[in-house]
């Protein structure tokens, strides 16, 4: 396995529409998944999309460590999700409700922002072994999946924002993090 170079905001690969993965079981894709998981964990992330490592394919990896769930919402009962891949995914919002949540991105180091996301989604695609998978997600799980899915369509989280007063350097926000209003509420 290898640590891959992460593309940073400004690199054109992050703005491209990614192509479908033709053969999820190929040795190259399996090696890419291994390398992406290792890179994600090494960088301290919870998700990583193939375009972020200069590979414009519709594939992302993510995990949901218990510590991150507790940090995002101490009262959450969300289960831990071990690292895995989602290949050629689709997402369907389950309802219109959106919530603001703090997001960072390995391609935008040092910054975080409050980004509106659907509160509850269903996502589907292929698992690492090529078998069909479908899941529902809410909370941090839904945020991570939507964030990584956006990378496959060339969308970075600032493109989803309407209130840039809720964006800042991670270090500053950790000291002075403003509270988040409901989506659509006026401050």
Protein backbone atom coordinates (compact mmCIF):
# COMPACT_ATOMS: atom_id res chain seq x y z
CA UNK A 1 0.00 0.00 0.00
CA UNK A 2 1.03 3.59 -0.53
CA UNK A 3 0.20 7.07 0.70
CA UNK A 4 -1.17 9.02 -2.26
CA UNK A 5 -0.75 12.72 -3.00
CA UNK A 6 -3.94 14.66 -2.24
CA UNK A 7 -5.02 17.29 -4.76
CA UNK A 8 -5.71 20.69 -3.24
CA UNK A 9 -8.38 23.22 -4.16
CA UNK A 10 -7.33 24.90 -7.39
CA UNK A 11 -6.26 21.68 -9.13
CA UNK A 12 -8.51 21.03 -12.16
CA UNK A 13 -9.05 17.33 -11.29
CA UNK A 14 -11.25 18.49 -8.39
CA UNK A 15 -13.62 20.30 -10.76
CA UNK A 16 -14.15 17.46 -13.25
CA UNK A 17 -17.08 15.08 -13.55
CA UNK A 18 -15.59 11.69 -12.66
CA UNK A 19 -16.05 8.71 -14.99
CA UNK A 20 -17.73 5.46 -13.92
CA UNK A 21 -15.47 2.64 -12.71
CA UNK A 22 -15.65 0.04 -15.51
CA UNK A 23 -14.42 -2.99 -13.55
CA UNK A 24 -14.58 -2.72 -9.75
CA UNK A 25 -12.81 -6.06 -9.30
CA UNK A 26 -9.73 -5.14 -11.33
CA UNK A 27 -6.40 -5.32 -9.48
CA UNK A 28 -5.80 -1.62 -10.20
CA UNK A 29 -9.07 -0.59 -8.55
CA UNK A 30 -8.48 -2.89 -5.58
CA UNK A 31 -5.00 -1.39 -5.11
CA UNK A 32 -6.45 2.13 -5.45
CA UNK A 33 -9.02 1.37 -2.74
CA UNK A 34 -6.31 0.07 -0.39
CA UNK A 35 -4.14 3.11 -1.05
CA UNK A 36 -7.06 5.51 -0.60
CA UNK A 37 -8.01 3.97 2.76
CA UNK A 38 -4.40 4.17 3.93
CA UNK A 39 -4.13 7.79 2.71
CA UNK A 40 -7.43 8.79 4.36
CA UNK A 41 -6.41 7.33 7.71
CA UNK A 42 -2.87 8.75 7.50
CA UNK A 43 -4.29 12.23 6.78
CA UNK A 44 -6.78 11.99 9.65
CA UNK A 45 -9.80 12.16 7.36
CA UNK A 46 -13.14 10.40 7.44
CA UNK A 47 -13.56 10.20 3.67
CA UNK A 48 -11.61 10.44 0.45
CA UNK A 49 -12.82 10.48 -3.16
CA UNK A 50 -10.75 9.20 -6.08
CA UNK A 51 -10.54 12.66 -7.73
CA UNK A 52 -8.84 13.91 -4.56
CA UNK A 53 -5.94 11.57 -5.32
CA UNK A 54 -5.80 12.60 -9.00
CA UNK A 55 -7.91 9.66 -10.26
CA UNK A 56 -11.11 10.92 -11.96
CA UNK A 57 -13.26 7.85 -11.24
CA UNK A 58 -16.60 7.51 -9.41
CA UNK A 59 -15.28 5.92 -6.25
CA UNK A 60 -14.90 7.04 -2.65
CA UNK A 61 -13.86 5.51 0.65
CA UNK A 62 -15.00 6.54 4.10
CA UNK A 63 -15.24 5.46 7.70
CA UNK A 64 -17.11 6.68 10.72
CA UNK A 65 -14.98 6.25 13.85
CA UNK A 66 -16.88 6.36 17.16
CA UNK A 67 -14.70 9.26 18.34
CA UNK A 68 -15.73 11.41 15.35
CA UNK A 69 -19.41 10.64 15.93
CA UNK A 70 -19.09 11.66 19.60
CA UNK A 71 -17.22 14.82 18.62
CA UNK A 72 -19.89 15.81 16.06
CA UNK A 73 -22.83 14.99 18.34
CA UNK A 74 -22.18 13.73 21.88
CA UNK A 75 -25.80 12.50 22.16
CA UNK A 76 -25.74 10.57 18.87
CA UNK A 77 -26.34 6.84 18.81
CA UNK A 78 -24.86 6.49 15.33
CA UNK A 79 -22.94 3.24 14.93
CA UNK A 80 -19.28 3.17 13.99
CA UNK A 81 -18.65 2.35 10.30
CA UNK A 82 -15.38 0.63 9.39
CA UNK A 83 -13.44 1.79 6.30
CA UNK A 84 -14.98 0.71 3.05
CA UNK A 85 -15.48 1.76 -0.56
CA UNK A 86 -18.52 2.88 -2.53
CA UNK A 87 -18.17 2.52 -6.31
CA UNK A 88 -20.35 4.24 -8.94
CA UNK A 89 -22.67 5.63 -6.24
CA UNK A 90 -26.07 7.31 -6.43
CA UNK A 91 -27.73 9.38 -3.71
CA UNK A 92 -31.40 10.16 -3.12
CA UNK A 93 -32.49 12.60 -0.39
CA UNK A 94 -35.20 11.16 1.87
CA UNK A 95 -37.20 14.31 2.54
CA UNK A 96 -36.51 17.99 2.13
CA UNK A 97 -34.96 18.67 5.56
CA UNK A 98 -31.46 20.06 5.47
CA UNK A 99 -29.08 20.74 8.34
CA UNK A 100 -25.91 22.76 8.69
CA UNK A 101 -22.88 20.89 9.90
CA UNK A 102 -19.21 21.73 10.21
CA UNK A 103 -17.14 20.22 7.40
CA UNK A 104 -13.50 20.16 6.50
CA UNK A 105 -11.81 18.67 3.47
CA UNK A 106 -8.43 17.09 2.88
CA UNK A 107 -8.28 19.11 -0.37
CA UNK A 108 -8.88 22.38 1.51
CA UNK A 109 -6.49 22.01 4.44
CA UNK A 110 -6.81 24.22 7.47
CA UNK A 111 -10.35 25.48 6.79
CA UNK A 112 -13.81 24.42 7.97
CA UNK A 113 -17.27 25.70 7.21
CA UNK A 114 -20.96 25.21 7.99
CA UNK A 115 -22.42 23.46 4.94
CA UNK A 116 -26.09 22.64 4.31
CA UNK A 117 -26.75 18.94 3.65
CA UNK A 118 -29.81 16.73 3.47
CA UNK A 119 -30.55 15.29 6.90
CA UNK A 120 -31.48 11.81 5.65
CA UNK A 121 -30.38 10.07 2.45
CA UNK A 122 -30.36 6.72 0.71
CA UNK A 123 -27.22 5.84 -1.21
CA UNK A 124 -26.48 2.91 -3.44
CA UNK A 125 -23.59 1.65 -5.54
CA UNK A 126 -21.20 -1.23 -5.66
CA UNK A 127 -19.14 -2.45 -2.77
CA UNK A 128 -15.48 -3.30 -3.02
CA UNK A 129 -16.31 -6.84 -4.18
CA UNK A 130 -18.56 -5.52 -6.97
CA UNK A 131 -21.81 -6.53 -5.28
CA UNK A 132 -24.72 -4.09 -5.19
CA UNK A 133 -25.22 -2.24 -1.91
CA UNK A 134 -27.83 0.20 -0.65
CA UNK A 135 -28.00 2.01 2.69
CA UNK A 136 -29.83 4.80 4.46
CA UNK A 137 -27.86 7.37 6.40
CA UNK A 138 -28.49 10.31 8.71
CA UNK A 139 -26.28 12.49 10.88
CA UNK A 140 -22.54 12.51 10.30
CA UNK A 141 -22.79 9.39 8.11
CA UNK A 142 -25.08 11.27 5.67
CA UNK A 143 -22.82 14.35 5.72
CA UNK A 144 -19.71 12.33 4.87
CA UNK A 145 -21.39 10.43 2.03
CA UNK A 146 -22.81 13.62 0.49
CA UNK A 147 -19.46 15.42 0.82
CA UNK A 148 -17.54 12.60 -0.89
CA UNK A 149 -20.22 12.17 -3.55
CA UNK A 150 -19.90 15.88 -4.40
CA UNK A 151 -16.23 15.32 -5.25
CA UNK A 152 -17.32 12.89 -7.98
CA UNK A 153 -19.28 15.72 -9.62
CA UNK A 154 -16.52 18.32 -9.29
CA UNK A 155 -18.16 20.10 -6.34
CA UNK A 156 -16.17 21.36 -3.33
CA UNK A 157 -18.00 22.25 -0.12
CA UNK A 158 -17.61 26.05 -0.52
CA UNK A 159 -19.75 25.73 -3.67
CA UNK A 160 -22.65 24.56 -1.43
CA UNK A 161 -22.39 27.51 0.95
CA UNK A 162 -24.47 30.67 1.00
CA UNK A 163 -23.14 32.17 4.27
CA UNK A 164 -19.38 32.61 4.23
CA UNK A 165 -19.40 34.10 7.72
CA UNK A 166 -19.58 30.45 8.83
CA UNK A 167 -16.20 29.60 7.29
CA UNK A 168 -12.84 29.92 8.96
CA UNK A 169 -9.52 28.45 9.86
CA UNK A 170 -9.85 25.23 11.85
CA UNK A 171 -7.65 26.57 14.65
CA UNK A 172 -9.77 29.72 15.09
CA UNK A 173 -13.08 27.88 14.86
CA UNK A 174 -11.95 25.44 17.55
CA UNK A 175 -11.60 28.40 19.91
CA UNK A 176 -14.53 30.54 18.78
CA UNK A 177 -16.85 28.15 16.91
CA UNK A 178 -20.14 29.94 16.33
CA UNK A 179 -23.37 28.02 16.82
CA UNK A 180 -25.23 26.83 13.77
CA UNK A 181 -28.72 28.12 12.99
CA UNK A 182 -31.27 25.91 11.25
CA UNK A 183 -30.97 25.91 7.45
CA UNK A 184 -32.98 28.79 6.06
CA UNK A 185 -32.96 30.68 9.37
CA UNK A 186 -31.71 34.21 9.32
CA UNK A 187 -29.07 35.33 11.76
